[in-house]
Amino acid sequence: MNDPQPLTDAEWQELSDLPEVQEGFGIGLSMPIEGVDGPLQEIAYACKFDFSPQMMPGYGGEVYLLFGDSLEPMVFIRNTDGKLKAA
């Protein structure tokens, strides 16, 4: 069974640095969104899963799910050079 795993501080920072996440959560805006004034891990929930190619044909590696106040998560995987990208 593939249980969700918590993110490290470095992984939270890596997610926070992605333009899609900054835009979606209002990170780094000159006029912050009301109620969004802390680190990403204080305003969102995230977990990761490790997939093998047998579990997810065509991809083997970490899959990250990031939830804010929406029920639809942002999904990220690692590209061939190890950087996170939107799936």
N, C-alpha and C. Protein backbone atom coordinates (compact mmCIF):
# COMPACT_ATOMS: atom_id res chain seq x y z
N MET A 1 0.85 -1.19 0.00
CA MET A 1 0.00 0.00 0.00
C MET A 1 0.89 1.25 0.00
N ASN A 2 0.48 2.25 -0.71
CA ASN A 2 1.23 3.49 -0.83
C ASN A 2 0.55 4.57 0.00
N ASP A 3 1.02 4.77 1.22
CA ASP A 3 0.42 5.76 2.12
C ASP A 3 0.98 7.15 1.84
N PRO A 4 0.17 8.19 2.10
CA PRO A 4 0.68 9.55 1.93
C PRO A 4 1.82 9.81 2.91
N GLN A 5 2.81 10.57 2.45
CA GLN A 5 3.97 10.90 3.25
C GLN A 5 4.03 12.40 3.46
N PRO A 6 4.48 12.84 4.64
CA PRO A 6 4.61 14.29 4.86
C PRO A 6 5.77 14.87 4.06
N LEU A 7 5.68 16.16 3.78
CA LEU A 7 6.75 16.85 3.06
C LEU A 7 7.81 17.35 4.03
N THR A 8 9.03 17.41 3.56
CA THR A 8 10.11 18.01 4.34
C THR A 8 10.01 19.53 4.20
N ASP A 9 10.73 20.25 5.04
CA ASP A 9 10.76 21.72 4.92
C ASP A 9 11.28 22.13 3.55
N ALA A 10 12.28 21.41 3.03
CA ALA A 10 12.85 21.73 1.71
C ALA A 10 11.81 21.52 0.61
N GLU A 11 10.98 20.48 0.72
CA GLU A 11 9.94 20.25 -0.29
C GLU A 11 8.86 21.32 -0.22
N TRP A 12 8.49 21.75 0.99
CA TRP A 12 7.54 22.86 1.12
C TRP A 12 8.09 24.11 0.44
N GLN A 13 9.37 24.39 0.64
CA GLN A 13 9.99 25.57 0.03
C GLN A 13 10.00 25.43 -1.49
N GLU A 14 10.31 24.23 -1.96
CA GLU A 14 10.33 23.99 -3.40
C GLU A 14 8.95 24.24 -4.01
N LEU A 15 7.91 23.77 -3.35
CA LEU A 15 6.54 24.04 -3.83
C LEU A 15 6.26 25.54 -3.79
N SER A 16 6.65 26.21 -2.71
CA SER A 16 6.40 27.65 -2.57
C SER A 16 7.08 28.47 -3.65
N ASP A 17 8.17 27.97 -4.19
CA ASP A 17 8.92 28.69 -5.22
C ASP A 17 8.35 28.53 -6.62
N LEU A 18 7.41 27.62 -6.80
CA LEU A 18 6.83 27.40 -8.14
C LEU A 18 5.86 28.53 -8.50
N PRO A 19 5.97 29.08 -9.71
CA PRO A 19 5.07 30.17 -10.11
C PRO A 19 3.59 29.82 -9.99
N GLU A 20 3.22 28.59 -10.33
CA GLU A 20 1.81 28.18 -10.26
C GLU A 20 1.30 28.25 -8.82
N VAL A 21 2.13 27.87 -7.89
CA VAL A 21 1.73 27.89 -6.48
C VAL A 21 1.71 29.32 -5.96
N GLN A 22 2.70 30.12 -6.32
CA GLN A 22 2.71 31.51 -5.90
C GLN A 22 1.47 32.24 -6.38
N GLU A 23 1.10 32.01 -7.64
CA GLU A 23 -0.08 32.65 -8.19
C GLU A 23 -1.35 32.13 -7.52
N GLY A 24 -1.45 30.83 -7.36
CA GLY A 24 -2.65 30.22 -6.79
C GLY A 24 -2.89 30.58 -5.33
N PHE A 25 -1.82 30.80 -4.58
CA PHE A 25 -1.95 31.09 -3.16
C PHE A 25 -1.61 32.54 -2.82
N GLY A 26 -1.30 33.36 -3.80
CA GLY A 26 -1.02 34.77 -3.55
C GLY A 26 0.29 35.02 -2.83
N ILE A 27 1.25 34.11 -3.01
CA ILE A 27 2.55 34.25 -2.34
C ILE A 27 3.38 35.30 -3.07
N GLY A 28 3.93 36.22 -2.32
CA GLY A 28 4.81 37.22 -2.90
C GLY A 28 4.11 38.40 -3.56
N LEU A 29 2.82 38.51 -3.40
CA LEU A 29 2.10 39.64 -3.99
C LEU A 29 2.38 40.91 -3.20
N SER A 30 2.42 42.05 -3.89
CA SER A 30 2.65 43.31 -3.19
C SER A 30 1.45 43.64 -2.29
N MET A 31 0.26 43.18 -2.67
CA MET A 31 -0.93 43.33 -1.83
C MET A 31 -1.45 41.93 -1.55
N PRO A 32 -1.03 41.30 -0.44
CA PRO A 32 -1.39 39.92 -0.16
C PRO A 32 -2.89 39.70 -0.09
N ILE A 33 -3.30 38.50 -0.39
CA ILE A 33 -4.70 38.11 -0.29
C ILE A 33 -5.08 38.08 1.19
N GLU A 34 -6.26 38.58 1.51
CA GLU A 34 -6.74 38.60 2.90
C GLU A 34 -6.64 37.22 3.52
N GLY A 35 -6.01 37.12 4.67
CA GLY A 35 -5.90 35.86 5.39
C GLY A 35 -4.73 34.99 4.98
N VAL A 36 -4.01 35.40 3.94
CA VAL A 36 -2.86 34.61 3.48
C VAL A 36 -1.60 35.40 3.81
N ASP A 37 -1.03 35.09 4.97
CA ASP A 37 0.14 35.86 5.38
C ASP A 37 1.23 35.01 6.02
N GLY A 38 1.10 33.70 5.95
CA GLY A 38 2.12 32.84 6.54
C GLY A 38 2.75 31.95 5.50
N PRO A 39 3.65 31.08 5.95
CA PRO A 39 4.25 30.12 5.03
C PRO A 39 3.19 29.21 4.43
N LEU A 40 3.50 28.65 3.28
CA LEU A 40 2.56 27.80 2.57
C LEU A 40 2.02 26.68 3.46
N GLN A 41 2.87 26.06 4.28
CA GLN A 41 2.40 24.95 5.10
C GLN A 41 1.40 25.37 6.18
N GLU A 42 1.24 26.68 6.41
CA GLU A 42 0.24 27.16 7.35
C GLU A 42 -1.10 27.45 6.68
N ILE A 43 -1.12 27.51 5.34
CA ILE A 43 -2.36 27.83 4.64
C ILE A 43 -2.80 26.74 3.67
N ALA A 44 -2.03 25.64 3.62
CA ALA A 44 -2.36 24.56 2.69
C ALA A 44 -2.01 23.22 3.31
N TYR A 45 -2.50 22.18 2.69
CA TYR A 45 -2.17 20.81 3.07
C TYR A 45 -1.49 20.16 1.88
N ALA A 46 -0.44 19.41 2.12
CA ALA A 46 0.24 18.71 1.04
C ALA A 46 0.73 17.36 1.53
N CYS A 47 0.84 16.44 0.60
CA CYS A 47 1.43 15.14 0.88
C CYS A 47 2.07 14.64 -0.41
N LYS A 48 2.88 13.59 -0.27
CA LYS A 48 3.49 13.03 -1.46
C LYS A 48 3.33 11.52 -1.42
N PHE A 49 3.38 10.94 -2.59
CA PHE A 49 3.33 9.50 -2.77
C PHE A 49 4.51 9.10 -3.63
N ASP A 50 5.06 7.94 -3.37
CA ASP A 50 6.12 7.39 -4.22
C ASP A 50 5.50 6.32 -5.10
N PHE A 51 5.55 6.51 -6.40
CA PHE A 51 4.97 5.57 -7.35
C PHE A 51 6.07 4.83 -8.09
N SER A 52 5.82 3.57 -8.33
CA SER A 52 6.70 2.78 -9.20
C SER A 52 6.04 2.72 -10.56
N PRO A 53 6.78 2.45 -11.62
CA PRO A 53 6.16 2.38 -12.96
C PRO A 53 5.03 1.35 -13.05
N GLN A 54 5.06 0.32 -12.20
CA GLN A 54 3.98 -0.66 -12.21
C GLN A 54 2.68 -0.08 -11.63
N MET A 55 2.80 0.88 -10.72
CA MET A 55 1.63 1.49 -10.09
C MET A 55 1.04 2.59 -10.97
N MET A 56 1.88 3.26 -11.70
CA MET A 56 1.45 4.40 -12.52
C MET A 56 2.19 4.31 -13.85
N PRO A 57 1.64 3.58 -14.80
CA PRO A 57 2.35 3.37 -16.08
C PRO A 57 2.83 4.69 -16.69
N GLY A 58 4.09 4.70 -17.11
CA GLY A 58 4.67 5.88 -17.74
C GLY A 58 5.36 6.81 -16.78
N TYR A 59 5.23 6.58 -15.48
CA TYR A 59 5.90 7.45 -14.51
C TYR A 59 6.27 6.65 -13.27
N GLY A 60 7.45 6.86 -12.79
CA GLY A 60 7.89 6.30 -11.52
C GLY A 60 8.57 7.39 -10.74
N GLY A 61 8.14 7.63 -9.55
CA GLY A 61 8.75 8.68 -8.73
C GLY A 61 7.73 9.31 -7.81
N GLU A 62 8.08 10.49 -7.31
CA GLU A 62 7.23 11.17 -6.34
C GLU A 62 6.11 11.95 -7.03
N VAL A 63 4.93 11.88 -6.44
CA VAL A 63 3.77 12.66 -6.87
C VAL A 63 3.34 13.49 -5.67
N TYR A 64 3.22 14.80 -5.86
CA TYR A 64 2.85 15.72 -4.79
C TYR A 64 1.44 16.23 -5.02
N LEU A 65 0.64 16.24 -3.95
CA LEU A 65 -0.70 16.82 -3.99
C LEU A 65 -0.71 18.00 -3.05
N LEU A 66 -1.21 19.14 -3.52
CA LEU A 66 -1.27 20.37 -2.72
C LEU A 66 -2.70 20.87 -2.72
N PHE A 67 -3.27 21.00 -1.52
CA PHE A 67 -4.65 21.45 -1.36
C PHE A 67 -4.68 22.79 -0.65
N GLY A 68 -5.51 23.68 -1.15
CA GLY A 68 -5.77 24.94 -0.46
C GLY A 68 -7.20 24.91 0.03
N ASP A 69 -7.94 25.97 -0.25
CA ASP A 69 -9.34 26.02 0.17
C ASP A 69 -10.27 25.45 -0.90
N SER A 70 -9.71 24.82 -1.90
CA SER A 70 -10.47 24.19 -2.97
C SER A 70 -10.37 22.67 -2.80
N LEU A 71 -11.39 21.97 -3.25
CA LEU A 71 -11.35 20.51 -3.18
C LEU A 71 -10.51 19.90 -4.29
N GLU A 72 -10.15 20.70 -5.28
CA GLU A 72 -9.34 20.19 -6.39
C GLU A 72 -7.87 20.47 -6.12
N PRO A 73 -7.06 19.42 -6.00
CA PRO A 73 -5.65 19.64 -5.66
C PRO A 73 -4.82 20.09 -6.84
N MET A 74 -3.70 20.71 -6.54
CA MET A 74 -2.66 20.95 -7.53
C MET A 74 -1.77 19.71 -7.47
N VAL A 75 -1.38 19.18 -8.62
CA VAL A 75 -0.60 17.95 -8.67
C VAL A 75 0.73 18.24 -9.35
N PHE A 76 1.81 17.76 -8.73
CA PHE A 76 3.15 17.98 -9.26
C PHE A 76 3.93 16.67 -9.28
N ILE A 77 4.79 16.54 -10.28
CA ILE A 77 5.70 15.40 -10.38
C ILE A 77 7.10 15.95 -10.65
N ARG A 78 8.08 15.10 -10.56
CA ARG A 78 9.46 15.52 -10.86
C ARG A 78 9.77 15.22 -12.32
N ASN A 79 10.41 16.18 -13.00
CA ASN A 79 10.84 15.95 -14.38
C ASN A 79 12.16 15.20 -14.37
N THR A 80 12.73 14.98 -15.53
CA THR A 80 13.93 14.16 -15.64
C THR A 80 15.15 14.78 -14.94
N ASP A 81 15.16 16.10 -14.73
CA ASP A 81 16.29 16.70 -14.01
C ASP A 81 15.99 16.91 -12.52
N GLY A 82 14.91 16.31 -12.03
CA GLY A 82 14.60 16.31 -10.60
C GLY A 82 13.81 17.50 -10.09
N LYS A 83 13.42 18.41 -10.97
CA LYS A 83 12.67 19.59 -10.54
C LYS A 83 11.16 19.30 -10.61
N LEU A 84 10.42 19.94 -9.70
CA LEU A 84 8.97 19.78 -9.69
C LEU A 84 8.34 20.51 -10.86
N LYS A 85 7.30 19.90 -11.43
CA LYS A 85 6.52 20.54 -12.48
C LYS A 85 5.07 20.11 -12.33
N ALA A 86 4.17 20.94 -12.82
CA ALA A 86 2.74 20.62 -12.77
C ALA A 86 2.48 19.38 -13.62
N ALA A 87 1.63 18.51 -13.09
CA ALA A 87 1.30 17.27 -13.82
C ALA A 87 0.05 17.49 -14.66
